[in-house]
PDB file of N, CA and C in Angstrom:
ATOM      1  N   MET A   1     -10.066  -3.608  58.490  1.00  0.00           N
ATOM      2  CA  MET A   1     -10.323  -2.153  57.932  1.00  0.00           C
ATOM      3  C   MET A   1      -9.030  -1.616  56.827  1.00  0.00           C
ATOM      4  N   SER A   2      -9.959  -0.781  56.067  1.00  0.00           N
ATOM      5  CA  SER A   2      -9.417  -0.437  54.719  1.00  0.00           C
ATOM      6  C   SER A   2      -8.801   1.066  55.415  1.00  0.00           C
ATOM      7  N   ASN A   3      -8.057   1.259  54.554  1.00  0.00           N
ATOM      8  CA  ASN A   3      -7.364   2.594  54.808  1.00  0.00           C
ATOM      9  C   ASN A   3      -8.416   3.641  53.882  1.00  0.00           C
ATOM     10  N   PRO A   4      -8.125   4.761  54.375  1.00  0.00           N
ATOM     11  CA  PRO A   4      -8.823   5.684  54.448  1.00  0.00           C
ATOM     12  C   PRO A   4      -8.441   6.608  52.628  1.00  0.00           C
ATOM     13  N   PRO A   5      -9.106   7.107  51.842  1.00  0.00           N
ATOM     14  CA  PRO A   5      -8.911   7.310  50.767  1.00  0.00           C
ATOM     15  C   PRO A   5      -7.348   8.304  51.049  1.00  0.00           C
ATOM     16  N   TYR A   6      -6.891   8.361  49.454  1.00  0.00           N
ATOM     17  CA  TYR A   6      -5.294   9.269  49.731  1.00  0.00           C
ATOM     18  C   TYR A   6      -5.710   9.845  48.042  1.00  0.00           C
ATOM     19  N   VAL A   7      -5.360  11.120  48.095  1.00  0.00           N
ATOM     20  CA  VAL A   7      -5.256  12.086  47.129  1.00  0.00           C
ATOM     21  C   VAL A   7      -3.949  12.762  46.826  1.00  0.00           C
ATOM     22  N   ASP A   8      -2.704  12.696  46.266  1.00  0.00           N
ATOM     23  CA  ASP A   8      -1.631  13.812  46.447  1.00  0.00           C
ATOM     24  C   ASP A   8      -2.028  15.082  45.685  1.00  0.00           C
ATOM     25  N   LEU A   9      -2.402  16.048  46.010  1.00  0.00           N
ATOM     26  CA  LEU A   9      -2.758  17.057  45.789  1.00  0.00           C
ATOM     27  C   LEU A   9      -1.697  18.334  45.244  1.00  0.00           C
ATOM     28  N   GLY A  10      -0.102  17.555  45.591  1.00  0.00           N
ATOM     29  CA  GLY A  10       1.013  18.685  45.019  1.00  0.00           C
ATOM     30  C   GLY A  10       1.246  19.076  43.689  1.00  0.00           C
ATOM     31  N   ASP A  11       0.590  18.313  42.543  1.00  0.00           N
ATOM     32  CA  ASP A  11       0.706  19.329  41.479  1.00  0.00           C
ATOM     33  C   ASP A  11      -0.385  20.395  41.199  1.00  0.00           C
ATOM     34  N   PHE A  12      -1.551  20.208  42.334  1.00  0.00           N
ATOM     35  CA  PHE A  12      -2.486  21.645  41.714  1.00  0.00           C
ATOM     36  C   PHE A  12      -1.923  22.631  42.488  1.00  0.00           C
ATOM     37  N   GLY A  13      -2.510  23.871  41.916  1.00  0.00           N
ATOM     38  CA  GLY A  13      -2.513  25.106  42.356  1.00  0.00           C
ATOM     39  C   GLY A  13      -2.831  25.050  43.808  1.00  0.00           C
ATOM     40  N   GLU A  14      -3.013  26.221  44.420  1.00  0.00           N
ATOM     41  CA  GLU A  14      -3.475  25.884  45.758  1.00  0.00           C
ATOM     42  C   GLU A  14      -4.952  26.340  45.966  1.00  0.00           C
ATOM     43  N   ASN A  15      -5.472  27.143  44.949  1.00  0.00           N
ATOM     44  CA  ASN A  15      -7.220  26.872  44.651  1.00  0.00           C
ATOM     45  C   ASN A  15      -7.656  26.277  44.370  1.00  0.00           C
ATOM     46  N   GLU A  16      -7.218  25.337  43.550  1.00  0.00           N
ATOM     47  CA  GLU A  16      -7.823  23.624  43.166  1.00  0.00           C
ATOM     48  C   GLU A  16      -7.766  22.849  44.026  1.00  0.00           C
ATOM     49  N   ARG A  17      -6.552  22.982  44.701  1.00  0.00           N
ATOM     50  CA  ARG A  17      -6.558  21.944  46.322  1.00  0.00           C
ATOM     51  C   ARG A  17      -7.920  22.690  47.665  1.00  0.00           C
ATOM     52  N   ILE A  18      -7.878  23.819  47.333  1.00  0.00           N
ATOM     53  CA  ILE A  18      -9.209  24.086  48.406  1.00  0.00           C
ATOM     54  C   ILE A  18     -10.265  23.598  47.271  1.00  0.00           C
ATOM     55  N   GLU A  19     -10.392  23.916  46.806  1.00  0.00           N
ATOM     56  CA  GLU A  19     -11.905  23.551  45.961  1.00  0.00           C
ATOM     57  C   GLU A  19     -11.821  21.923  46.172  1.00  0.00           C
ATOM     58  N   THR A  20     -10.923  20.868  45.939  1.00  0.00           N
ATOM     59  CA  THR A  20     -11.279  19.788  45.806  1.00  0.00           C
ATOM     60  C   THR A  20     -11.493  19.147  47.541  1.00  0.00           C
ATOM     61  N   ILE A  21     -10.596  19.882  48.547  1.00  0.00           N
ATOM     62  CA  ILE A  21     -10.672  19.802  49.649  1.00  0.00           C
ATOM     63  C   ILE A  21     -11.904  19.849  50.187  1.00  0.00           C
ATOM     64  N   GLY A  22     -12.574  21.519  50.119  1.00  0.00           N
ATOM     65  CA  GLY A  22     -14.024  21.815  50.512  1.00  0.00           C
ATOM     66  C   GLY A  22     -15.057  20.706  49.635  1.00  0.00           C
ATOM     67  N   HIS A  23     -14.961  20.278  48.447  1.00  0.00           N
ATOM     68  CA  HIS A  23     -16.036  19.845  47.835  1.00  0.00           C
ATOM     69  C   HIS A  23     -16.118  17.994  48.746  1.00  0.00           C
ATOM     70  N   GLN A  24     -14.998  17.565  49.128  1.00  0.00           N
ATOM     71  CA  GLN A  24     -14.936  16.427  49.653  1.00  0.00           C
ATOM     72  C   GLN A  24     -15.812  16.145  50.843  1.00  0.00           C
ATOM     73  N   VAL A  25     -15.636  17.699  51.498  1.00  0.00           N
ATOM     74  CA  VAL A  25     -16.046  17.585  53.112  1.00  0.00           C
ATOM     75  C   VAL A  25     -17.362  17.957  52.766  1.00  0.00           C
ATOM     76  N   MET A  26     -17.781  18.974  51.939  1.00  0.00           N
ATOM     77  CA  MET A  26     -19.249  19.397  51.958  1.00  0.00           C
ATOM     78  C   MET A  26     -20.278  18.935  51.612  1.00  0.00           C
ATOM     79  N   VAL A  27     -19.303  18.340  49.902  1.00  0.00           N
ATOM     80  CA  VAL A  27     -20.591  17.506  49.581  1.00  0.00           C
ATOM     81  C   VAL A  27     -20.807  16.048  49.556  1.00  0.00           C
ATOM     82  N   HIS A  28     -19.086  15.285  49.809  1.00  0.00           N
ATOM     83  CA  HIS A  28     -19.447  14.046  50.448  1.00  0.00           C
ATOM     84  C   HIS A  28     -19.623  13.618  51.431  1.00  0.00           C
ATOM     85  N   GLN A  29     -19.581  14.388  52.593  1.00  0.00           N
ATOM     86  CA  GLN A  29     -19.772  14.514  54.308  1.00  0.00           C
ATOM     87  C   GLN A  29     -18.518  13.845  54.205  1.00  0.00           C
ATOM     88  N   GLN A  30     -16.967  14.148  54.253  1.00  0.00           N
ATOM     89  CA  GLN A  30     -15.700  13.695  54.718  1.00  0.00           C
ATOM     90  C   GLN A  30     -15.265  14.351  55.307  1.00  0.00           C
ATOM     91  N   THR A  31     -14.364  13.185  56.304  1.00  0.00           N
ATOM     92  CA  THR A  31     -13.669  14.457  56.940  1.00  0.00           C
ATOM     93  C   THR A  31     -12.291  14.254  55.921  1.00  0.00           C
ATOM     94  N   VAL A  32     -11.555  15.497  56.326  1.00  0.00           N
ATOM     95  CA  VAL A  32     -10.318  15.379  55.200  1.00  0.00           C
ATOM     96  C   VAL A  32      -9.210  16.275  56.413  1.00  0.00           C
ATOM     97  N   GLY A  33      -8.174  15.600  56.050  1.00  0.00           N
ATOM     98  CA  GLY A  33      -6.836  15.638  56.477  1.00  0.00           C
ATOM     99  C   GLY A  33      -5.824  16.092  55.870  1.00  0.00           C
ATOM    100  N   PHE A  34      -5.400  17.392  55.640  1.00  0.00           N
ATOM    101  CA  PHE A  34      -4.593  17.951  54.533  1.00  0.00           C
ATOM    102  C   PHE A  34      -3.162  18.587  55.068  1.00  0.00           C
ATOM    103  N   ILE A  35      -2.385  18.186  54.991  1.00  0.00           N
ATOM    104  CA  ILE A  35      -0.793  18.982  55.242  1.00  0.00           C
ATOM    105  C   ILE A  35      -0.236  19.849  54.273  1.00  0.00           C
ATOM    106  N   VAL A  36       0.291  20.808  55.052  1.00  0.00           N
ATOM    107  CA  VAL A  36       1.218  22.038  54.160  1.00  0.00           C
ATOM    108  C   VAL A  36       2.440  22.140  54.851  1.00  0.00           C
ATOM    109  N   GLU A  37       3.325  22.844  53.944  1.00  0.00           N
ATOM    110  CA  GLU A  37       4.549  23.465  54.888  1.00  0.00           C
ATOM    111  C   GLU A  37       4.243  24.556  56.118  1.00  0.00           C
ATOM    112  N   ASP A  38       5.122  24.149  57.575  1.00  0.00           N
ATOM    113  CA  ASP A  38       4.817  25.287  58.637  1.00  0.00           C
ATOM    114  C   ASP A  38       5.209  26.609  57.925  1.00  0.00           C
ATOM    115  N   ASP A  39       5.004  27.113  56.666  1.00  0.00           N
ATOM    116  CA  ASP A  39       5.353  28.323  56.576  1.00  0.00           C
ATOM    117  C   ASP A  39       4.294  29.372  57.426  1.00  0.00           C
ATOM    118  N   PRO A  40       5.077  30.477  57.777  1.00  0.00           N
ATOM    119  CA  PRO A  40       4.325  31.364  58.407  1.00  0.00           C
ATOM    120  C   PRO A  40       3.030  31.459  57.939  1.00  0.00           C
ATOM    121  N   GLY A  41       1.546  31.725  58.129  1.00  0.00           N
ATOM    122  CA  GLY A  41       0.464  31.775  57.488  1.00  0.00           C
ATOM    123  C   GLY A  41      -0.336  30.874  56.571  1.00  0.00           C
ATOM    124  N   LYS A  42       0.735  30.164  56.460  1.00  0.00           N
ATOM    125  CA  LYS A  42       0.386  29.258  55.405  1.00  0.00           C
ATOM    126  C   LYS A  42      -1.215  28.078  55.712  1.00  0.00           C
ATOM    127  N   ALA A  43      -1.035  27.881  56.835  1.00  0.00           N
ATOM    128  CA  ALA A  43      -2.006  27.037  57.161  1.00  0.00           C
ATOM    129  C   ALA A  43      -3.662  27.610  57.763  1.00  0.00           C
ATOM    130  N   ASP A  44      -3.218  29.050  57.893  1.00  0.00           N
ATOM    131  CA  ASP A  44      -3.730  29.758  58.543  1.00  0.00           C
ATOM    132  C   ASP A  44      -4.854  30.409  56.755  1.00  0.00           C
ATOM    133  N   ARG A  45      -4.135  30.516  55.900  1.00  0.00           N
ATOM    134  CA  ARG A  45      -4.655  31.117  54.538  1.00  0.00           C
ATOM    135  C   ARG A  45      -5.722  30.074  54.270  1.00  0.00           C
ATOM    136  N   TYR A  46      -5.313  28.958  54.185  1.00  0.00           N
ATOM    137  CA  TYR A  46      -6.161  27.569  53.642  1.00  0.00           C
ATOM    138  C   TYR A  46      -7.321  27.407  54.529  1.00  0.00           C
ATOM    139  N   ILE A  47      -7.620  27.542  55.882  1.00  0.00           N
ATOM    140  CA  ILE A  47      -8.234  27.166  56.269  1.00  0.00           C
ATOM    141  C   ILE A  47      -9.190  28.795  56.288  1.00  0.00           C
ATOM    142  N   THR A  48      -8.614  30.170  55.979  1.00  0.00           N
ATOM    143  CA  THR A  48      -9.539  31.147  55.636  1.00  0.00           C
ATOM    144  C   THR A  48     -10.172  30.761  54.374  1.00  0.00           C
ATOM    145  N   LYS A  49      -9.275  30.424  53.657  1.00  0.00           N
ATOM    146  CA  LYS A  49     -10.348  30.557  52.246  1.00  0.00           C
ATOM    147  C   LYS A  49     -11.009  29.418  51.864  1.00  0.00           C
ATOM    148  N   LEU A  50     -10.719  28.251  52.883  1.00  0.00           N
ATOM    149  CA  LEU A  50     -12.078  27.111  52.901  1.00  0.00           C
ATOM    150  C   LEU A  50     -13.095  27.533  53.430  1.00  0.00           C
ATOM    151  N   GLU A  51     -13.122  28.351  54.642  1.00  0.00           N
ATOM    152  CA  GLU A  51     -14.054  28.797  55.288  1.00  0.00           C
ATOM    153  C   GLU A  51     -15.151  29.603  54.314  1.00  0.00           C
ATOM    154  N   LYS A  52     -14.641  31.151  53.793  1.00  0.00           N
ATOM    155  CA  LYS A  52     -14.711  31.341  52.661  1.00  0.00           C
ATOM    156  C   LYS A  52     -15.645  31.059  51.723  1.00  0.00           C
ATOM    157  N   LYS A  53     -15.233  30.233  51.304  1.00  0.00           N
ATOM    158  CA  LYS A  53     -15.845  29.610  50.295  1.00  0.00           C
ATOM    159  C   LYS A  53     -17.099  28.172  50.213  1.00  0.00           C
ATOM    160  N   PHE A  54     -16.568  27.898  51.581  1.00  0.00           N
ATOM    161  CA  PHE A  54     -17.600  26.612  52.169  1.00  0.00           C
ATOM    162  C   PHE A  54     -18.058  26.863  53.283  1.00  0.00           C
ATOM    163  N   PRO A  55     -18.821  27.897  53.822  1.00  0.00           N
ATOM    164  CA  PRO A  55     -19.555  28.325  55.176  1.00  0.00           C
ATOM    165  C   PRO A  55     -20.214  27.006  55.977  1.00  0.00           C
ATOM    166  N   GLY A  56     -19.456  26.730  57.036  1.00  0.00           N
ATOM    167  CA  GLY A  56     -20.097  26.065  57.463  1.00  0.00           C
ATOM    168  C   GLY A  56     -18.872  24.694  58.047  1.00  0.00           C
ATOM    169  N   ILE A  57     -18.129  24.721  56.865  1.00  0.00           N
ATOM    170  CA  ILE A  57     -16.998  24.042  57.430  1.00  0.00           C
ATOM    171  C   ILE A  57     -16.602  23.842  58.756  1.00  0.00           C
ATOM    172  N   ARG A  58     -16.210  23.164  59.405  1.00  0.00           N
ATOM    173  CA  ARG A  58     -15.364  22.428  60.405  1.00  0.00           C
ATOM    174  C   ARG A  58     -14.295  22.609  60.428  1.00  0.00           C
ATOM    175  N   ILE A  59     -13.147  23.389  61.443  1.00  0.00           N
ATOM    176  CA  ILE A  59     -12.136  22.918  61.615  1.00  0.00           C
ATOM    177  C   ILE A  59     -11.941  22.006  62.983  1.00  0.00           C
ATOM    178  N   ILE A  60     -11.410  20.440  62.226  1.00  0.00           N
ATOM    179  CA  ILE A  60     -12.199  19.660  63.616  1.00  0.00           C
ATOM    180  C   ILE A  60     -10.521  19.966  64.715  1.00  0.00           C
ATOM    181  N   SER A  61      -9.413  20.045  64.042  1.00  0.00           N
ATOM    182  CA  SER A  61      -7.659  20.214  64.736  1.00  0.00           C
ATOM    183  C   SER A  61      -7.241  20.753  63.392  1.00  0.00           C
ATOM    184  N   ARG A  62      -5.812  20.824  64.205  1.00  0.00           N
ATOM    185  CA  ARG A  62      -4.719  21.543  63.598  1.00  0.00           C
ATOM    186  C   ARG A  62      -3.363  21.418  64.577  1.00  0.00           C
ATOM    187  N   GLY A  63      -2.152  20.936  63.578  1.00  0.00           N
ATOM    188  CA  GLY A  63      -1.155  20.455  64.961  1.00  0.00           C
ATOM    189  C   GLY A  63       0.137  20.018  63.681  1.00  0.00           C
ATOM    190  N   ARG A  64       0.881  19.550  64.519  1.00  0.00           N
ATOM    191  CA  ARG A  64       2.316  19.603  63.836  1.00  0.00           C
ATOM    192  C   ARG A  64       1.838  18.125  62.690  1.00  0.00           C
ATOM    193  N   GLY A  65       2.566  18.489  61.858  1.00  0.00           N
ATOM    194  CA  GLY A  65       2.143  17.230  60.796  1.00  0.00           C
ATOM    195  C   GLY A  65       3.014  16.081  60.933  1.00  0.00           C
ATOM    196  N   PRO A  66       2.896  14.924  59.931  1.00  0.00           N
ATOM    197  CA  PRO A  66       3.634  13.719  60.162  1.00  0.00           C
ATOM    198  C   PRO A  66       5.263  13.993  60.054  1.00  0.00           C
ATOM    199  N   VAL A  67       5.668  14.707  59.383  1.00  0.00           N
ATOM    200  CA  VAL A  67       7.178  14.914  59.056  1.00  0.00           C
ATOM    201  C   VAL A  67       7.060  16.560  59.214  1.00  0.00           C
ATOM    202  N   GLY A  68       8.584  16.906  59.839  1.00  0.00           N
ATOM    203  CA  GLY A  68       9.209  18.210  59.865  1.00  0.00           C
ATOM    204  C   GLY A  68       8.821  19.086  59.038  1.00  0.00           C
ATOM    205  N   HIS A  69       8.508  20.293  59.399  1.00  0.00           N
ATOM    206  CA  HIS A  69       8.252  21.171  59.080  1.00  0.00           C
ATOM    207  C   HIS A  69       6.917  21.220  58.018  1.00  0.00           C
ATOM    208  N   THR A  70       6.111  21.144  58.643  1.00  0.00           N
ATOM    209  CA  THR A  70       4.525  20.527  58.259  1.00  0.00           C
ATOM    210  C   THR A  70       3.443  20.788  59.256  1.00  0.00           C
ATOM    211  N   VAL A  71       2.092  21.572  58.868  1.00  0.00           N
ATOM    212  CA  VAL A  71       1.178  21.429  59.793  1.00  0.00           C
ATOM    213  C   VAL A  71      -0.265  20.581  58.934  1.00  0.00           C
ATOM    214  N   LEU A  72      -0.596  19.500  59.499  1.00  0.00           N
ATOM    215  CA  LEU A  72      -1.476  18.610  59.501  1.00  0.00           C
ATOM    216  C   LEU A  72      -3.304  19.212  60.360  1.00  0.00           C
ATOM    217  N   VAL A  73      -3.286  19.646  59.091  1.00  0.00           N
ATOM    218  CA  VAL A  73      -5.456  20.146  59.376  1.00  0.00           C
ATOM    219  C   VAL A  73      -5.963  19.196  58.625  1.00  0.00           C
ATOM    220  N   LYS A  74      -7.300  19.115  60.051  1.00  0.00           N
ATOM    221  CA  LYS A  74      -8.364  18.438  59.617  1.00  0.00           C
ATOM    222  C   LYS A  74      -9.674  18.552  59.816  1.00  0.00           C
ATOM    223  N   VAL A  75     -10.238  19.212  58.781  1.00  0.00           N
ATOM    224  CA  VAL A  75     -11.615  19.526  58.363  1.00  0.00           C
ATOM    225  C   VAL A  75     -12.855  18.613  58.162  1.00  0.00           C
ATOM    226  N   GLY A  76     -14.188  18.962  58.319  1.00  0.00           N
ATOM    227  CA  GLY A  76     -14.932  18.595  58.202  1.00  0.00           C
ATOM    228  C   GLY A  76     -16.586  18.793  58.289  1.00  0.00           C
ATOM    229  N   PRO A  77     -17.479  18.313  57.637  1.00  0.00           N
ATOM    230  CA  PRO A  77     -18.886  18.841  57.540  1.00  0.00           C
ATOM    231  C   PRO A  77     -19.133  19.193  58.748  1.00  0.00           C
ATOM    232  N   PRO A  78     -20.176  20.637  58.915  1.00  0.00           N
ATOM    233  CA  PRO A  78     -21.226  20.681  60.185  1.00  0.00           C
ATOM    234  C   PRO A  78     -21.523  19.924  60.619  1.00  0.00           C
ATOM    235  N   LEU A  79     -21.726  20.204  62.123  1.00  0.00           N
ATOM    236  CA  LEU A  79     -22.094  18.749  63.142  1.00  0.00           C
ATOM    237  C   LEU A  79     -24.209  18.582  62.816  1.00  0.00           C
ATOM    238  N   ASN A  80     -24.794  19.675  62.206  1.00  0.00           N
ATOM    239  CA  ASN A  80     -26.545  19.817  62.545  1.00  0.00           C
ATOM    240  C   ASN A  80     -26.543  18.029  61.775  1.00  0.00           C
TER     241      ASN A  80
END
């Protein structure tokens, strides 16, 4: 079994990260997990921007990240 692709978007601006995540989900039909700091409202802001720019994107899950003080959000393409 191969490892899923990994891209470090840390050097990108927030809007560029959102564009990259949404593009992979909606154009390439991939499920994407991304990790953000658990700053109040940060994960919500990403989700809101993704839903606005990529109508139909599906929020699969949201929970504690793999390291302290982070949130893991998993998004995917529509189920149709």
